Amino acid sequence: MKIHWNENPLRSTVEIDDSDKEQILLYIQNEYYMDILCELDLWLEQKIKKDDEPTLEKVHEKIRGWGEICNMTVDHEEVKAYEDYLQMSHGGDCTCFPGACVKCHAEDALGISTIEGLGKHSAHKIMGSFGENGTIDEAITILEQKPSYEKTEVWKGFTQEEYEKHIPRWESEREVALKWLKAYKEKHGF
């Protein structure tokens, strides 16, 4: 595996080899096996509703799915999808956007993180500081400047006091993002 560090840490990419594909395959297979077992457990405990009652025959039918999982290879479309995810930018819960980040998921399969130690709120700040094609130095400059924190239309239903109580947290998140990005720049020689 080779990580191609990008000035924008959220856009670093990961190049994988055959052994990494094997690791991803095992990760995917394990997820499928867990899904089968969890679904069966919940179904048998009647904690999930199905159109029909569990019978021994239906349980066996569900279990037979393991055969397809066992026969998956590194050429499987899901392994390829994970490889594609590693070329994408982070975006999702890791950057304060609702939804799973497929890049984080693929990195988890490999036991790595290209944004290790970066919290989601600070990652969001870094994402915003880069803009479309900004450099790391431009992002650092933006993060070094304390925003004016003027109440916008989004906050119209809140009093000024309710709005201002968030400013210390926002400041802390900005400072953490700045510190993390400076350390990242130094570590990777940008």
N, C-alpha and C. Protein backbone atom coordinates (compact mmCIF):
# COMPACT_ATOMS: atom_id res chain seq x y z
N MET A 1 0.85 -1.17 0.00
CA MET A 1 0.00 0.00 0.00
C MET A 1 0.90 1.23 0.00
N LYS A 2 0.42 2.22 -0.72
CA LYS A 2 1.15 3.49 -0.76
C LYS A 2 0.13 4.62 -0.61
N ILE A 3 0.40 5.50 0.35
CA ILE A 3 -0.47 6.65 0.55
C ILE A 3 0.13 7.84 -0.18
N HIS A 4 -0.69 8.48 -0.99
CA HIS A 4 -0.27 9.68 -1.70
C HIS A 4 -0.86 10.86 -0.94
N TRP A 5 -0.02 11.47 -0.11
CA TRP A 5 -0.47 12.56 0.74
C TRP A 5 -0.71 13.79 -0.11
N ASN A 6 -1.84 14.41 0.11
CA ASN A 6 -2.24 15.61 -0.63
C ASN A 6 -2.12 16.80 0.31
N GLU A 7 -1.87 17.98 -0.25
CA GLU A 7 -1.84 19.18 0.59
C GLU A 7 -3.14 19.31 1.37
N ASN A 8 -4.24 18.98 0.73
CA ASN A 8 -5.52 18.93 1.42
C ASN A 8 -5.64 17.50 1.97
N PRO A 9 -5.47 17.32 3.28
CA PRO A 9 -5.45 15.97 3.84
C PRO A 9 -6.71 15.17 3.55
N LEU A 10 -7.81 15.85 3.32
CA LEU A 10 -9.06 15.15 3.04
C LEU A 10 -9.05 14.53 1.65
N ARG A 11 -8.08 14.93 0.83
CA ARG A 11 -7.99 14.41 -0.55
C ARG A 11 -6.80 13.49 -0.78
N SER A 12 -6.14 13.06 0.29
CA SER A 12 -5.06 12.08 0.13
C SER A 12 -5.66 10.80 -0.44
N THR A 13 -4.88 10.09 -1.24
CA THR A 13 -5.37 8.86 -1.85
C THR A 13 -4.50 7.68 -1.41
N VAL A 14 -5.04 6.49 -1.60
CA VAL A 14 -4.33 5.28 -1.19
C VAL A 14 -4.29 4.31 -2.37
N GLU A 15 -3.08 3.92 -2.71
CA GLU A 15 -2.86 2.93 -3.78
C GLU A 15 -2.64 1.58 -3.11
N ILE A 16 -3.38 0.57 -3.55
CA ILE A 16 -3.28 -0.73 -2.89
C ILE A 16 -2.71 -1.81 -3.80
N ASP A 17 -2.15 -2.84 -3.17
CA ASP A 17 -1.62 -3.97 -3.91
C ASP A 17 -2.51 -5.20 -3.67
N ASP A 18 -2.08 -6.33 -4.18
CA ASP A 18 -2.89 -7.55 -4.08
C ASP A 18 -3.15 -7.99 -2.64
N SER A 19 -2.15 -7.84 -1.76
CA SER A 19 -2.36 -8.24 -0.36
C SER A 19 -3.37 -7.31 0.32
N ASP A 20 -3.39 -6.04 -0.07
CA ASP A 20 -4.38 -5.11 0.46
C ASP A 20 -5.78 -5.48 -0.02
N LYS A 21 -5.86 -5.91 -1.27
CA LYS A 21 -7.16 -6.34 -1.81
C LYS A 21 -7.66 -7.57 -1.05
N GLU A 22 -6.75 -8.47 -0.70
CA GLU A 22 -7.12 -9.64 0.10
C GLU A 22 -7.67 -9.20 1.45
N GLN A 23 -7.02 -8.22 2.06
CA GLN A 23 -7.47 -7.71 3.36
C GLN A 23 -8.86 -7.09 3.25
N ILE A 24 -9.09 -6.34 2.19
CA ILE A 24 -10.40 -5.74 1.96
C ILE A 24 -11.45 -6.82 1.74
N LEU A 25 -11.09 -7.84 0.96
CA LEU A 25 -12.02 -8.95 0.72
C LEU A 25 -12.43 -9.60 2.03
N LEU A 26 -11.47 -9.88 2.90
CA LEU A 26 -11.78 -10.49 4.20
C LEU A 26 -12.67 -9.58 5.04
N TYR A 27 -12.43 -8.30 4.97
CA TYR A 27 -13.24 -7.32 5.69
C TYR A 27 -14.69 -7.36 5.20
N ILE A 28 -14.86 -7.37 3.89
CA ILE A 28 -16.20 -7.40 3.29
C ILE A 28 -16.90 -8.71 3.65
N GLN A 29 -16.19 -9.81 3.52
CA GLN A 29 -16.78 -11.10 3.85
C GLN A 29 -17.22 -11.14 5.31
N ASN A 30 -16.37 -10.63 6.19
CA ASN A 30 -16.71 -10.60 7.61
C ASN A 30 -17.98 -9.79 7.86
N GLU A 31 -18.11 -8.66 7.18
CA GLU A 31 -19.32 -7.85 7.34
C GLU A 31 -20.56 -8.62 6.90
N TYR A 32 -20.46 -9.33 5.79
CA TYR A 32 -21.59 -10.13 5.31
C TYR A 32 -21.95 -11.25 6.30
N TYR A 33 -20.91 -11.93 6.81
CA TYR A 33 -21.17 -12.99 7.78
C TYR A 33 -21.87 -12.42 9.02
N MET A 34 -21.39 -11.29 9.51
CA MET A 34 -22.01 -10.67 10.69
C MET A 34 -23.46 -10.27 10.40
N ASP A 35 -23.70 -9.76 9.19
CA ASP A 35 -25.07 -9.39 8.82
C ASP A 35 -26.01 -10.60 8.87
N ILE A 36 -25.55 -11.72 8.32
CA ILE A 36 -26.37 -12.93 8.33
C ILE A 36 -26.67 -13.35 9.77
N LEU A 37 -25.63 -13.40 10.59
CA LEU A 37 -25.82 -13.85 11.97
C LEU A 37 -26.70 -12.90 12.77
N CYS A 38 -26.48 -11.62 12.62
CA CYS A 38 -27.31 -10.65 13.36
C CYS A 38 -28.76 -10.70 12.92
N GLU A 39 -28.98 -10.77 11.61
CA GLU A 39 -30.35 -10.84 11.13
C GLU A 39 -31.05 -12.10 11.63
N LEU A 40 -30.35 -13.24 11.57
CA LEU A 40 -30.94 -14.48 12.07
C LEU A 40 -31.23 -14.40 13.56
N ASP A 41 -30.31 -13.87 14.30
CA ASP A 41 -30.51 -13.75 15.74
C ASP A 41 -31.74 -12.89 16.06
N LEU A 42 -31.82 -11.74 15.42
CA LEU A 42 -32.95 -10.84 15.66
C LEU A 42 -34.27 -11.45 15.18
N TRP A 43 -34.21 -12.15 14.07
CA TRP A 43 -35.40 -12.79 13.51
C TRP A 43 -35.89 -13.90 14.45
N LEU A 44 -34.95 -14.75 14.90
CA LEU A 44 -35.33 -15.83 15.80
C LEU A 44 -35.83 -15.32 17.15
N GLU A 45 -35.29 -14.23 17.61
CA GLU A 45 -35.74 -13.61 18.85
C GLU A 45 -37.01 -12.80 18.64
N GLN A 46 -37.44 -12.72 17.39
CA GLN A 46 -38.63 -11.96 16.98
C GLN A 46 -38.50 -10.47 17.35
N LYS A 47 -37.29 -9.96 17.19
CA LYS A 47 -37.04 -8.54 17.43
C LYS A 47 -37.11 -7.72 16.16
N ILE A 48 -37.21 -8.42 15.03
CA ILE A 48 -37.49 -7.75 13.76
C ILE A 48 -38.69 -8.45 13.14
N LYS A 49 -39.49 -7.68 12.48
CA LYS A 49 -40.70 -8.23 11.86
C LYS A 49 -40.37 -8.66 10.44
N LYS A 50 -40.78 -9.84 10.14
CA LYS A 50 -40.73 -10.36 8.78
C LYS A 50 -42.14 -10.77 8.42
N ASP A 51 -42.37 -10.96 7.14
CA ASP A 51 -43.71 -11.37 6.68
C ASP A 51 -44.08 -12.77 7.16
N ASP A 52 -43.06 -13.56 7.49
CA ASP A 52 -43.33 -14.93 7.88
C ASP A 52 -42.53 -15.29 9.14
N GLU A 53 -42.94 -16.34 9.76
CA GLU A 53 -42.28 -16.84 10.97
C GLU A 53 -41.02 -17.63 10.58
N PRO A 54 -40.00 -17.58 11.44
CA PRO A 54 -38.80 -18.37 11.13
C PRO A 54 -39.07 -19.86 11.29
N THR A 55 -38.74 -20.58 10.26
CA THR A 55 -38.81 -22.04 10.33
C THR A 55 -37.40 -22.55 10.08
N LEU A 56 -37.18 -23.80 10.39
CA LEU A 56 -35.85 -24.38 10.19
C LEU A 56 -35.44 -24.28 8.72
N GLU A 57 -36.37 -24.51 7.84
CA GLU A 57 -36.10 -24.43 6.40
C GLU A 57 -35.69 -22.99 6.00
N LYS A 58 -36.40 -22.01 6.51
CA LYS A 58 -36.10 -20.61 6.18
C LYS A 58 -34.78 -20.15 6.78
N VAL A 59 -34.47 -20.65 7.96
CA VAL A 59 -33.18 -20.34 8.59
C VAL A 59 -32.06 -20.94 7.76
N HIS A 60 -32.23 -22.18 7.32
CA HIS A 60 -31.22 -22.82 6.47
C HIS A 60 -31.04 -22.04 5.16
N GLU A 61 -32.13 -21.58 4.60
CA GLU A 61 -32.06 -20.80 3.36
C GLU A 61 -31.21 -19.55 3.56
N LYS A 62 -31.42 -18.91 4.68
CA LYS A 62 -30.66 -17.69 4.99
C LYS A 62 -29.17 -18.01 5.18
N ILE A 63 -28.91 -19.11 5.87
CA ILE A 63 -27.53 -19.51 6.16
C ILE A 63 -26.78 -19.88 4.88
N ARG A 64 -27.49 -20.44 3.90
CA ARG A 64 -26.84 -20.85 2.65
C ARG A 64 -26.16 -19.69 1.94
N GLY A 65 -26.52 -18.46 2.30
CA GLY A 65 -25.87 -17.30 1.72
C GLY A 65 -24.37 -17.24 1.97
N TRP A 66 -23.91 -17.97 3.00
CA TRP A 66 -22.49 -17.94 3.29
C TRP A 66 -21.66 -18.50 2.14
N GLY A 67 -22.24 -19.41 1.38
CA GLY A 67 -21.51 -20.01 0.25
C GLY A 67 -21.10 -18.97 -0.78
N GLU A 68 -22.02 -18.08 -1.11
CA GLU A 68 -21.69 -17.00 -2.06
C GLU A 68 -20.60 -16.10 -1.49
N ILE A 69 -20.68 -15.85 -0.20
CA ILE A 69 -19.68 -14.99 0.44
C ILE A 69 -18.31 -15.66 0.39
N CYS A 70 -18.28 -16.96 0.68
CA CYS A 70 -17.01 -17.71 0.65
C CYS A 70 -16.36 -17.68 -0.73
N ASN A 71 -17.19 -17.65 -1.77
CA ASN A 71 -16.68 -17.71 -3.13
C ASN A 71 -16.29 -16.35 -3.71
N MET A 72 -16.42 -15.31 -2.92
CA MET A 72 -15.99 -13.99 -3.41
C MET A 72 -14.47 -13.99 -3.60
N THR A 73 -14.00 -13.23 -4.58
CA THR A 73 -12.56 -13.11 -4.83
C THR A 73 -12.19 -11.64 -4.84
N VAL A 74 -10.91 -11.37 -4.95
CA VAL A 74 -10.43 -9.98 -4.97
C VAL A 74 -10.91 -9.25 -6.22
N ASP A 75 -11.43 -9.97 -7.20
CA ASP A 75 -11.97 -9.35 -8.40
C ASP A 75 -13.44 -8.95 -8.24
N HIS A 76 -14.00 -9.24 -7.07
CA HIS A 76 -15.40 -8.92 -6.81
C HIS A 76 -15.64 -7.42 -6.92
N GLU A 77 -16.81 -7.04 -7.41
CA GLU A 77 -17.14 -5.62 -7.62
C GLU A 77 -17.06 -4.79 -6.34
N GLU A 78 -17.33 -5.39 -5.20
CA GLU A 78 -17.25 -4.63 -3.95
C GLU A 78 -15.81 -4.32 -3.57
N VAL A 79 -14.90 -5.23 -3.84
CA VAL A 79 -13.48 -4.96 -3.58
C VAL A 79 -13.04 -3.80 -4.47
N LYS A 80 -13.47 -3.82 -5.71
CA LYS A 80 -13.15 -2.73 -6.65
C LYS A 80 -13.76 -1.42 -6.16
N ALA A 81 -14.96 -1.47 -5.63
CA ALA A 81 -15.60 -0.26 -5.11
C ALA A 81 -14.78 0.33 -3.96
N TYR A 82 -14.29 -0.52 -3.06
CA TYR A 82 -13.46 -0.04 -1.96
C TYR A 82 -12.18 0.62 -2.50
N GLU A 83 -11.61 0.00 -3.52
CA GLU A 83 -10.41 0.56 -4.13
C GLU A 83 -10.72 1.95 -4.70
N ASP A 84 -11.88 2.10 -5.31
CA ASP A 84 -12.31 3.39 -5.84
C ASP A 84 -12.54 4.40 -4.72
N TYR A 85 -13.12 3.95 -3.61
CA TYR A 85 -13.37 4.84 -2.48
C TYR A 85 -12.07 5.46 -1.96
N LEU A 86 -10.98 4.70 -2.04
CA LEU A 86 -9.69 5.18 -1.55
C LEU A 86 -9.13 6.32 -2.39
N GLN A 87 -9.73 6.56 -3.56
CA GLN A 87 -9.31 7.65 -4.43
C GLN A 87 -10.17 8.90 -4.24
N MET A 88 -11.20 8.78 -3.42
CA MET A 88 -12.13 9.88 -3.22
C MET A 88 -11.68 10.79 -2.09
N SER A 89 -12.40 11.90 -1.93
CA SER A 89 -12.18 12.81 -0.82
C SER A 89 -13.03 12.37 0.36
N HIS A 90 -12.56 12.66 1.57
CA HIS A 90 -13.37 12.40 2.75
C HIS A 90 -14.61 13.29 2.68
N GLY A 91 -15.73 12.77 3.09
CA GLY A 91 -16.98 13.52 3.14
C GLY A 91 -18.06 12.67 3.76
N GLY A 92 -18.61 13.14 4.83
CA GLY A 92 -19.62 12.39 5.57
C GLY A 92 -19.49 12.74 7.03
N ASP A 93 -19.78 11.79 7.88
CA ASP A 93 -19.72 12.04 9.32
C ASP A 93 -18.34 12.55 9.75
N CYS A 94 -17.30 12.14 9.07
CA CYS A 94 -15.94 12.57 9.43
C CYS A 94 -15.72 14.06 9.20
N THR A 95 -16.62 14.69 8.43
CA THR A 95 -16.50 16.13 8.13
C THR A 95 -17.79 16.89 8.43
N CYS A 96 -18.59 16.35 9.33
CA CYS A 96 -19.84 17.00 9.77
C CYS A 96 -20.93 17.06 8.71
N PHE A 97 -20.93 16.13 7.78
CA PHE A 97 -22.02 16.03 6.83
C PHE A 97 -22.74 14.71 7.12
N PRO A 98 -24.07 14.74 7.27
CA PRO A 98 -24.77 13.52 7.63
C PRO A 98 -24.59 12.43 6.57
N GLY A 99 -24.17 11.31 7.02
CA GLY A 99 -23.98 10.17 6.12
C GLY A 99 -22.61 9.55 6.34
N ALA A 100 -22.50 8.32 5.98
CA ALA A 100 -21.23 7.61 6.14
C ALA A 100 -20.22 8.08 5.10
N CYS A 101 -18.97 8.07 5.49
CA CYS A 101 -17.88 8.41 4.57
C CYS A 101 -17.33 7.10 4.02
N VAL A 102 -17.51 6.89 2.72
CA VAL A 102 -17.04 5.64 2.11
C VAL A 102 -15.52 5.54 2.14
N LYS A 103 -14.86 6.68 2.09
CA LYS A 103 -13.39 6.67 2.17
C LYS A 103 -12.94 6.19 3.55
N CYS A 104 -13.57 6.71 4.61
CA CYS A 104 -13.25 6.25 5.97
C CYS A 104 -13.51 4.75 6.09
N HIS A 105 -14.61 4.29 5.51
CA HIS A 105 -14.96 2.88 5.58
C HIS A 105 -13.90 2.02 4.90
N ALA A 106 -13.43 2.45 3.74
CA ALA A 106 -12.40 1.70 3.01
C ALA A 106 -11.08 1.74 3.77
N GLU A 107 -10.76 2.88 4.36
CA GLU A 107 -9.53 2.98 5.14
C GLU A 107 -9.61 2.08 6.38
N ASP A 108 -10.79 2.01 7.00
CA ASP A 108 -10.98 1.12 8.14
C ASP A 108 -10.71 -0.33 7.75
N ALA A 109 -11.12 -0.70 6.56
CA ALA A 109 -10.90 -2.06 6.08
C ALA A 109 -9.40 -2.39 6.02
N LEU A 110 -8.59 -1.37 5.81
CA LEU A 110 -7.14 -1.56 5.73
C LEU A 110 -6.44 -1.27 7.06
N GLY A 111 -7.21 -0.78 8.04
CA GLY A 111 -6.62 -0.46 9.33
C GLY A 111 -5.79 0.81 9.32
N ILE A 112 -6.15 1.75 8.44
CA ILE A 112 -5.41 3.01 8.35
C ILE A 112 -6.37 4.19 8.46
N SER A 113 -5.80 5.37 8.61
CA SER A 113 -6.58 6.60 8.55
C SER A 113 -5.69 7.70 8.02
N THR A 114 -6.11 8.33 6.93
CA THR A 114 -5.34 9.45 6.38
C THR A 114 -5.62 10.74 7.12
N ILE A 115 -6.60 10.71 8.03
CA ILE A 115 -6.90 11.91 8.83
C ILE A 115 -6.91 11.56 10.32
N GLU A 116 -6.01 10.68 10.71
CA GLU A 116 -5.95 10.22 12.09
C GLU A 116 -5.82 11.39 13.07
N GLY A 117 -6.63 11.34 14.11
CA GLY A 117 -6.57 12.36 15.15
C GLY A 117 -7.35 13.62 14.84
N LEU A 118 -7.96 13.70 13.69
CA LEU A 118 -8.71 14.88 13.28
C LEU A 118 -10.19 14.65 13.56
N GLY A 119 -10.77 15.47 14.42
CA GLY A 119 -12.18 15.36 14.73
C GLY A 119 -13.04 15.91 13.60
N LYS A 120 -14.30 15.53 13.61
CA LYS A 120 -15.17 15.90 12.50
C LYS A 120 -15.39 17.40 12.38
N HIS A 121 -15.50 18.10 13.50
CA HIS A 121 -15.72 19.55 13.42
C HIS A 121 -14.48 20.27 12.88
N SER A 122 -13.32 19.83 13.34
CA SER A 122 -12.07 20.41 12.83
C SER A 122 -11.85 20.03 11.37
N ALA A 123 -12.23 18.82 11.00
CA ALA A 123 -12.12 18.41 9.59
C ALA A 123 -13.00 19.29 8.72
N HIS A 124 -14.17 19.63 9.23
CA HIS A 124 -15.07 20.53 8.49
C HIS A 124 -14.42 21.90 8.30
N LYS A 125 -13.76 22.37 9.33
CA LYS A 125 -13.06 23.67 9.24
C LYS A 125 -11.95 23.59 8.19
N ILE A 126 -11.20 22.50 8.19
CA ILE A 126 -10.13 22.33 7.20
C ILE A 126 -10.71 22.26 5.81
N MET A 127 -11.79 21.50 5.65
CA MET A 127 -12.44 21.39 4.34
C MET A 127 -12.81 22.79 3.82
N GLY A 128 -13.40 23.60 4.67
CA GLY A 128 -13.80 24.95 4.27
C GLY A 128 -12.63 25.87 4.01
N SER A 129 -11.52 25.65 4.68
CA SER A 129 -10.36 26.54 4.51
C SER A 129 -9.63 26.31 3.19
N PHE A 130 -9.80 25.14 2.59
CA PHE A 130 -9.14 24.85 1.32
C PHE A 130 -9.92 25.37 0.13
N GLY A 131 -11.21 25.45 0.23
CA GLY A 131 -11.99 25.84 -0.94
C GLY A 131 -11.84 24.79 -2.03
N GLU A 132 -11.99 25.20 -3.26
CA GLU A 132 -11.90 24.25 -4.38
C GLU A 132 -10.48 23.76 -4.65
N ASN A 133 -9.54 24.67 -4.80
CA ASN A 133 -8.18 24.28 -5.17
C ASN A 133 -7.12 25.00 -4.36
N GLY A 134 -7.42 25.31 -3.12
CA GLY A 134 -6.47 26.05 -2.29
C GLY A 134 -5.25 25.23 -1.92
N THR A 135 -4.21 25.93 -1.51
CA THR A 135 -2.98 25.26 -1.05
C THR A 135 -3.02 25.13 0.46
N ILE A 136 -2.12 24.34 0.98
CA ILE A 136 -2.07 24.15 2.43
C ILE A 136 -1.71 25.46 3.13
N ASP A 137 -0.82 26.25 2.53
CA ASP A 137 -0.45 27.53 3.14
C ASP A 137 -1.64 28.49 3.16
N GLU A 138 -2.43 28.49 2.10
CA GLU A 138 -3.63 29.33 2.08
C GLU A 138 -4.63 28.87 3.15
N ALA A 139 -4.77 27.58 3.30
CA ALA A 139 -5.70 27.04 4.30
C ALA A 139 -5.23 27.41 5.71
N ILE A 140 -3.95 27.31 5.95
CA ILE A 140 -3.40 27.68 7.26
C ILE A 140 -3.65 29.16 7.53
N THR A 141 -3.42 30.00 6.54
CA THR A 141 -3.65 31.44 6.69
C THR A 141 -5.11 31.72 7.04
N ILE A 142 -6.01 31.04 6.37
CA ILE A 142 -7.44 31.22 6.65
C ILE A 142 -7.76 30.78 8.08
N LEU A 143 -7.21 29.64 8.50
CA LEU A 143 -7.49 29.14 9.85
C LEU A 143 -6.85 30.00 10.93
N GLU A 144 -5.78 30.70 10.59
CA GLU A 144 -5.12 31.58 11.57
C GLU A 144 -5.95 32.83 11.89
N GLN A 145 -6.85 33.17 11.00
CA GLN A 145 -7.66 34.38 11.18
C GLN A 145 -8.94 34.05 11.94
N LYS A 146 -9.13 34.75 13.04
CA LYS A 146 -10.34 34.54 13.83
C LYS A 146 -11.52 35.15 13.07
N PRO A 147 -12.55 34.35 12.80
CA PRO A 147 -13.72 34.87 12.09
C PRO A 147 -14.45 35.93 12.93
N SER A 148 -15.28 36.70 12.27
CA SER A 148 -16.04 37.74 12.97
C SER A 148 -17.21 37.16 13.75
N TYR A 149 -17.65 35.98 13.40
CA TYR A 149 -18.77 35.31 14.07
C TYR A 149 -20.01 36.20 14.14
N GLU A 150 -20.36 36.73 13.00
CA GLU A 150 -21.60 37.51 12.93
C GLU A 150 -22.76 36.56 12.67
N LYS A 151 -23.82 36.77 13.40
CA LYS A 151 -25.01 35.92 13.30
C LYS A 151 -25.61 36.05 11.90
N THR A 152 -25.82 34.89 11.27
CA THR A 152 -26.37 34.87 9.91
C THR A 152 -27.84 34.46 9.94
N GLU A 153 -28.45 34.45 8.78
CA GLU A 153 -29.86 34.10 8.61
C GLU A 153 -30.17 32.69 9.13
N VAL A 154 -29.20 31.80 9.05
CA VAL A 154 -29.39 30.42 9.52
C VAL A 154 -29.76 30.40 11.01
N TRP A 155 -29.27 31.39 11.73
CA TRP A 155 -29.47 31.46 13.18
C TRP A 155 -30.63 32.37 13.58
N LYS A 156 -31.50 32.72 12.64
CA LYS A 156 -32.55 33.71 12.91
C LYS A 156 -33.50 33.31 14.04
N GLY A 157 -33.69 32.03 14.30
CA GLY A 157 -34.58 31.59 15.36
C GLY A 157 -33.95 31.59 16.74
N PHE A 158 -32.70 32.02 16.83
CA PHE A 158 -31.97 32.01 18.09
C PHE A 158 -31.70 33.44 18.56
N THR A 159 -31.64 33.61 19.85
CA THR A 159 -31.27 34.93 20.38
C THR A 159 -29.77 35.11 20.18
N GLN A 160 -29.33 36.34 20.31
CA GLN A 160 -27.89 36.63 20.18
C GLN A 160 -27.11 35.86 21.25
N GLU A 161 -27.66 35.77 22.44
CA GLU A 161 -27.00 35.05 23.54
C GLU A 161 -26.89 33.56 23.23
N GLU A 162 -27.97 32.97 22.69
CA GLU A 162 -27.94 31.56 22.32
C GLU A 162 -26.90 31.30 21.23
N TYR A 163 -26.79 32.23 20.30
CA TYR A 163 -25.81 32.13 19.22
C TYR A 163 -24.39 32.22 19.79
N GLU A 164 -24.15 33.21 20.60
CA GLU A 164 -22.80 33.48 21.11
C GLU A 164 -22.26 32.40 22.02
N LYS A 165 -23.12 31.62 22.64
CA LYS A 165 -22.63 30.56 23.52
C LYS A 165 -21.87 29.48 22.74
N HIS A 166 -22.05 29.43 21.41
CA HIS A 166 -21.35 28.45 20.57
C HIS A 166 -19.96 28.92 20.14
N ILE A 167 -19.71 30.20 20.23
CA ILE A 167 -18.45 30.76 19.73
C ILE A 167 -17.22 30.14 20.40
N PRO A 168 -17.18 29.95 21.71
CA PRO A 168 -15.98 29.31 22.30
C PRO A 168 -15.69 27.92 21.71
N ARG A 169 -16.74 27.14 21.46
CA ARG A 169 -16.53 25.82 20.86
C ARG A 169 -16.01 25.95 19.43
N TRP A 170 -16.60 26.88 18.68
CA TRP A 170 -16.14 27.08 17.30
C TRP A 170 -14.69 27.52 17.27
N GLU A 171 -14.33 28.37 18.19
CA GLU A 171 -12.94 28.84 18.28
C GLU A 171 -12.00 27.68 18.61
N SER A 172 -12.41 26.86 19.55
CA SER A 172 -11.60 25.70 19.92
C SER A 172 -11.42 24.76 18.73
N GLU A 173 -12.49 24.53 17.99
CA GLU A 173 -12.42 23.66 16.81
C GLU A 173 -11.50 24.25 15.75
N ARG A 174 -11.54 25.56 15.57
CA ARG A 174 -10.67 26.23 14.59
C ARG A 174 -9.21 26.09 15.03
N GLU A 175 -8.94 26.28 16.31
CA GLU A 175 -7.57 26.17 16.81
C GLU A 175 -7.04 24.75 16.69
N VAL A 176 -7.88 23.78 16.99
CA VAL A 176 -7.48 22.38 16.85
C VAL A 176 -7.18 22.07 15.38
N ALA A 177 -8.03 22.54 14.49
CA ALA A 177 -7.83 22.32 13.04
C ALA A 177 -6.52 22.94 12.60
N LEU A 178 -6.24 24.15 13.05
CA LEU A 178 -5.00 24.84 12.68
C LEU A 178 -3.79 24.07 13.17
N LYS A 179 -3.81 23.67 14.42
CA LYS A 179 -2.69 22.92 15.00
C LYS A 179 -2.48 21.61 14.25
N TRP A 180 -3.58 20.89 13.98
CA TRP A 180 -3.49 19.61 13.29
C TRP A 180 -2.93 19.80 11.88
N LEU A 181 -3.42 20.82 11.16
CA LEU A 181 -2.99 21.03 9.78
C LEU A 181 -1.53 21.44 9.71
N LYS A 182 -1.07 22.25 10.66
CA LYS A 182 0.36 22.63 10.70
C LYS A 182 1.23 21.40 10.95
N ALA A 183 0.81 20.53 11.86
CA ALA A 183 1.57 19.30 12.14
C ALA A 183 1.58 18.39 10.91
N TYR A 184 0.44 18.31 10.22
CA TYR A 184 0.34 17.52 9.00
C TYR A 184 1.30 18.06 7.94
N LYS A 185 1.32 19.38 7.78
CA LYS A 185 2.21 20.01 6.79
C LYS A 185 3.66 19.66 7.09
N GLU A 186 4.03 19.78 8.34
CA GLU A 186 5.42 19.49 8.72
C GLU A 186 5.75 18.02 8.52
N LYS A 187 4.87 17.15 8.95
CA LYS A 187 5.10 15.71 8.85
C LYS A 187 5.28 15.25 7.41
N HIS A 188 4.51 15.84 6.48
CA HIS A 188 4.54 15.37 5.10
C HIS A 188 5.32 16.29 4.16
N GLY A 189 5.95 17.32 4.72
CA GLY A 189 6.87 18.14 3.96
C GLY A 189 6.25 19.03 2.90
N PHE A 190 5.08 19.57 3.17
CA PHE A 190 4.45 20.47 2.19
C PHE A 190 4.93 21.90 2.41
